[in-house]
Amino acid sequence: MGRKYLFSEDSNGRAREVKVDPKHLDKQIREERAAGRTPTVLDEDERIRFGQLAQNLRDNG
């Protein structure tokens, strides 16, 4: 199992990265939702792909 990354987006669309505690990831996700934020969990490969996609959009947009 690779490293996980948790991103939390608030109602204004601002996202931040949250430090992941692998043993308590489910609890962290529940807490983010309870606080009105939208959590997204990515593994290392997904994070790289989303980063490349964001860079392409920034360069071509």
N, C-alpha and C. Protein backbone atom coordinates (compact mmCIF):
# COMPACT_ATOMS: atom_id res chain seq x y z
N MET A 1 0.85 -1.18 0.00
CA MET A 1 0.00 0.00 0.00
C MET A 1 0.89 1.24 0.00
N GLY A 2 0.64 2.13 -0.96
CA GLY A 2 1.43 3.35 -1.07
C GLY A 2 0.92 4.45 -0.17
N ARG A 3 1.59 5.55 -0.25
CA ARG A 3 1.24 6.70 0.57
C ARG A 3 -0.08 7.30 0.08
N LYS A 4 -0.86 7.80 1.01
CA LYS A 4 -2.14 8.44 0.70
C LYS A 4 -2.04 9.94 0.97
N TYR A 5 -2.80 10.70 0.22
CA TYR A 5 -2.85 12.16 0.36
C TYR A 5 -4.31 12.55 0.54
N LEU A 6 -4.59 13.41 1.50
CA LEU A 6 -5.94 13.87 1.77
C LEU A 6 -6.02 15.36 1.48
N PHE A 7 -6.93 15.72 0.61
CA PHE A 7 -7.18 17.11 0.29
C PHE A 7 -8.58 17.46 0.75
N SER A 8 -8.74 18.63 1.32
CA SER A 8 -10.02 19.07 1.85
C SER A 8 -10.40 20.38 1.18
N GLU A 9 -11.60 20.42 0.60
CA GLU A 9 -12.08 21.61 -0.10
C GLU A 9 -13.23 22.22 0.70
N ASP A 10 -13.14 23.53 0.96
CA ASP A 10 -14.22 24.18 1.69
C ASP A 10 -15.30 24.66 0.73
N SER A 11 -16.35 25.26 1.27
CA SER A 11 -17.49 25.68 0.45
C SER A 11 -17.15 26.80 -0.53
N ASN A 12 -16.01 27.49 -0.31
CA ASN A 12 -15.57 28.55 -1.21
C ASN A 12 -14.69 28.04 -2.34
N GLY A 13 -14.41 26.73 -2.34
CA GLY A 13 -13.59 26.15 -3.40
C GLY A 13 -12.10 26.12 -3.10
N ARG A 14 -11.71 26.57 -1.91
CA ARG A 14 -10.30 26.53 -1.54
C ARG A 14 -9.95 25.14 -1.03
N ALA A 15 -8.86 24.59 -1.54
CA ALA A 15 -8.44 23.26 -1.12
C ALA A 15 -7.13 23.36 -0.35
N ARG A 16 -6.99 22.44 0.60
CA ARG A 16 -5.75 22.37 1.36
C ARG A 16 -5.41 20.90 1.55
N GLU A 17 -4.12 20.64 1.71
CA GLU A 17 -3.69 19.27 1.96
C GLU A 17 -3.65 19.04 3.46
N VAL A 18 -4.20 17.92 3.89
CA VAL A 18 -4.26 17.55 5.30
C VAL A 18 -3.30 16.38 5.51
N LYS A 19 -2.51 16.46 6.56
CA LYS A 19 -1.59 15.36 6.88
C LYS A 19 -2.41 14.12 7.20
N VAL A 20 -2.07 13.00 6.57
CA VAL A 20 -2.82 11.76 6.71
C VAL A 20 -2.25 10.90 7.83
N ASP A 21 -3.14 10.42 8.67
CA ASP A 21 -2.81 9.40 9.66
C ASP A 21 -3.40 8.10 9.12
N PRO A 22 -2.57 7.21 8.54
CA PRO A 22 -3.08 6.02 7.86
C PRO A 22 -4.00 5.16 8.72
N LYS A 23 -3.75 5.10 10.01
CA LYS A 23 -4.57 4.26 10.89
C LYS A 23 -5.93 4.88 11.17
N HIS A 24 -6.08 6.18 10.94
CA HIS A 24 -7.32 6.88 11.27
C HIS A 24 -7.88 7.64 10.06
N LEU A 25 -7.59 7.19 8.87
CA LEU A 25 -8.02 7.90 7.66
C LEU A 25 -9.55 8.00 7.59
N ASP A 26 -10.26 6.92 7.91
CA ASP A 26 -11.72 6.97 7.87
C ASP A 26 -12.26 8.03 8.82
N LYS A 27 -11.68 8.13 10.00
CA LYS A 27 -12.10 9.13 10.98
C LYS A 27 -11.82 10.53 10.46
N GLN A 28 -10.65 10.73 9.84
CA GLN A 28 -10.31 12.04 9.29
C GLN A 28 -11.32 12.45 8.21
N ILE A 29 -11.71 11.51 7.37
CA ILE A 29 -12.68 11.80 6.31
C ILE A 29 -14.02 12.19 6.92
N ARG A 30 -14.48 11.45 7.92
CA ARG A 30 -15.74 11.77 8.59
C ARG A 30 -15.68 13.16 9.23
N GLU A 31 -14.55 13.49 9.86
CA GLU A 31 -14.42 14.81 10.49
C GLU A 31 -14.44 15.93 9.46
N GLU A 32 -13.81 15.73 8.32
CA GLU A 32 -13.82 16.76 7.26
C GLU A 32 -15.25 16.96 6.76
N ARG A 33 -15.98 15.88 6.53
CA ARG A 33 -17.37 16.00 6.07
C ARG A 33 -18.24 16.67 7.12
N ALA A 34 -18.04 16.31 8.39
CA ALA A 34 -18.82 16.91 9.47
C ALA A 34 -18.57 18.42 9.57
N ALA A 35 -17.37 18.85 9.19
CA ALA A 35 -17.03 20.27 9.22
C ALA A 35 -17.52 21.01 7.98
N GLY A 36 -18.22 20.30 7.07
CA GLY A 36 -18.76 20.94 5.87
C GLY A 36 -17.79 21.03 4.72
N ARG A 37 -16.69 20.29 4.80
CA ARG A 37 -15.70 20.29 3.73
C ARG A 37 -15.82 19.00 2.91
N THR A 38 -15.27 19.04 1.70
CA THR A 38 -15.29 17.88 0.82
C THR A 38 -13.91 17.25 0.78
N PRO A 39 -13.77 16.05 1.37
CA PRO A 39 -12.46 15.39 1.37
C PRO A 39 -12.25 14.56 0.11
N THR A 40 -11.01 14.53 -0.36
CA THR A 40 -10.61 13.70 -1.49
C THR A 40 -9.31 13.00 -1.12
N VAL A 41 -9.29 11.68 -1.28
CA VAL A 41 -8.10 10.90 -0.97
C VAL A 41 -7.49 10.40 -2.27
N LEU A 42 -6.19 10.64 -2.43
CA LEU A 42 -5.46 10.21 -3.62
C LEU A 42 -4.27 9.36 -3.19
N ASP A 43 -3.90 8.40 -4.05
CA ASP A 43 -2.65 7.69 -3.82
C ASP A 43 -1.56 8.42 -4.61
N GLU A 44 -0.34 7.91 -4.55
CA GLU A 44 0.79 8.62 -5.19
C GLU A 44 0.60 8.77 -6.69
N ASP A 45 0.14 7.72 -7.37
CA ASP A 45 -0.04 7.78 -8.83
C ASP A 45 -1.14 8.77 -9.21
N GLU A 46 -2.24 8.76 -8.47
CA GLU A 46 -3.33 9.69 -8.76
C GLU A 46 -2.89 11.13 -8.54
N ARG A 47 -2.11 11.36 -7.50
CA ARG A 47 -1.64 12.72 -7.22
C ARG A 47 -0.76 13.22 -8.36
N ILE A 48 0.10 12.37 -8.87
CA ILE A 48 0.96 12.76 -10.00
C ILE A 48 0.10 13.08 -11.23
N ARG A 49 -0.88 12.22 -11.53
CA ARG A 49 -1.74 12.45 -12.70
C ARG A 49 -2.54 13.75 -12.57
N PHE A 50 -3.10 14.02 -11.39
CA PHE A 50 -3.85 15.26 -11.19
C PHE A 50 -2.92 16.47 -11.27
N GLY A 51 -1.71 16.34 -10.78
CA GLY A 51 -0.74 17.43 -10.88
C GLY A 51 -0.39 17.74 -12.32
N GLN A 52 -0.19 16.69 -13.12
CA GLN A 52 0.11 16.88 -14.54
C GLN A 52 -1.08 17.50 -15.26
N LEU A 53 -2.29 17.05 -14.92
CA LEU A 53 -3.49 17.62 -15.53
C LEU A 53 -3.62 19.10 -15.19
N ALA A 54 -3.39 19.45 -13.92
CA ALA A 54 -3.47 20.86 -13.51
C ALA A 54 -2.42 21.69 -14.24
N GLN A 55 -1.23 21.15 -14.40
CA GLN A 55 -0.18 21.88 -15.11
C GLN A 55 -0.56 22.09 -16.57
N ASN A 56 -1.11 21.06 -17.22
CA ASN A 56 -1.55 21.19 -18.62
C ASN A 56 -2.63 22.23 -18.75
N LEU A 57 -3.59 22.24 -17.81
CA LEU A 57 -4.66 23.24 -17.88
C LEU A 57 -4.10 24.64 -17.68
N ARG A 58 -3.16 24.78 -16.77
CA ARG A 58 -2.56 26.10 -16.51
C ARG A 58 -1.77 26.57 -17.74
N ASP A 59 -1.02 25.67 -18.39
CA ASP A 59 -0.21 26.04 -19.55
C ASP A 59 -1.04 26.32 -20.79
N ASN A 60 -2.16 25.61 -20.95
CA ASN A 60 -2.98 25.74 -22.16
C ASN A 60 -4.22 26.60 -21.95
N GLY A 61 -4.45 27.04 -20.74
CA GLY A 61 -5.69 27.77 -20.44
C GLY A 61 -5.50 29.19 -20.47
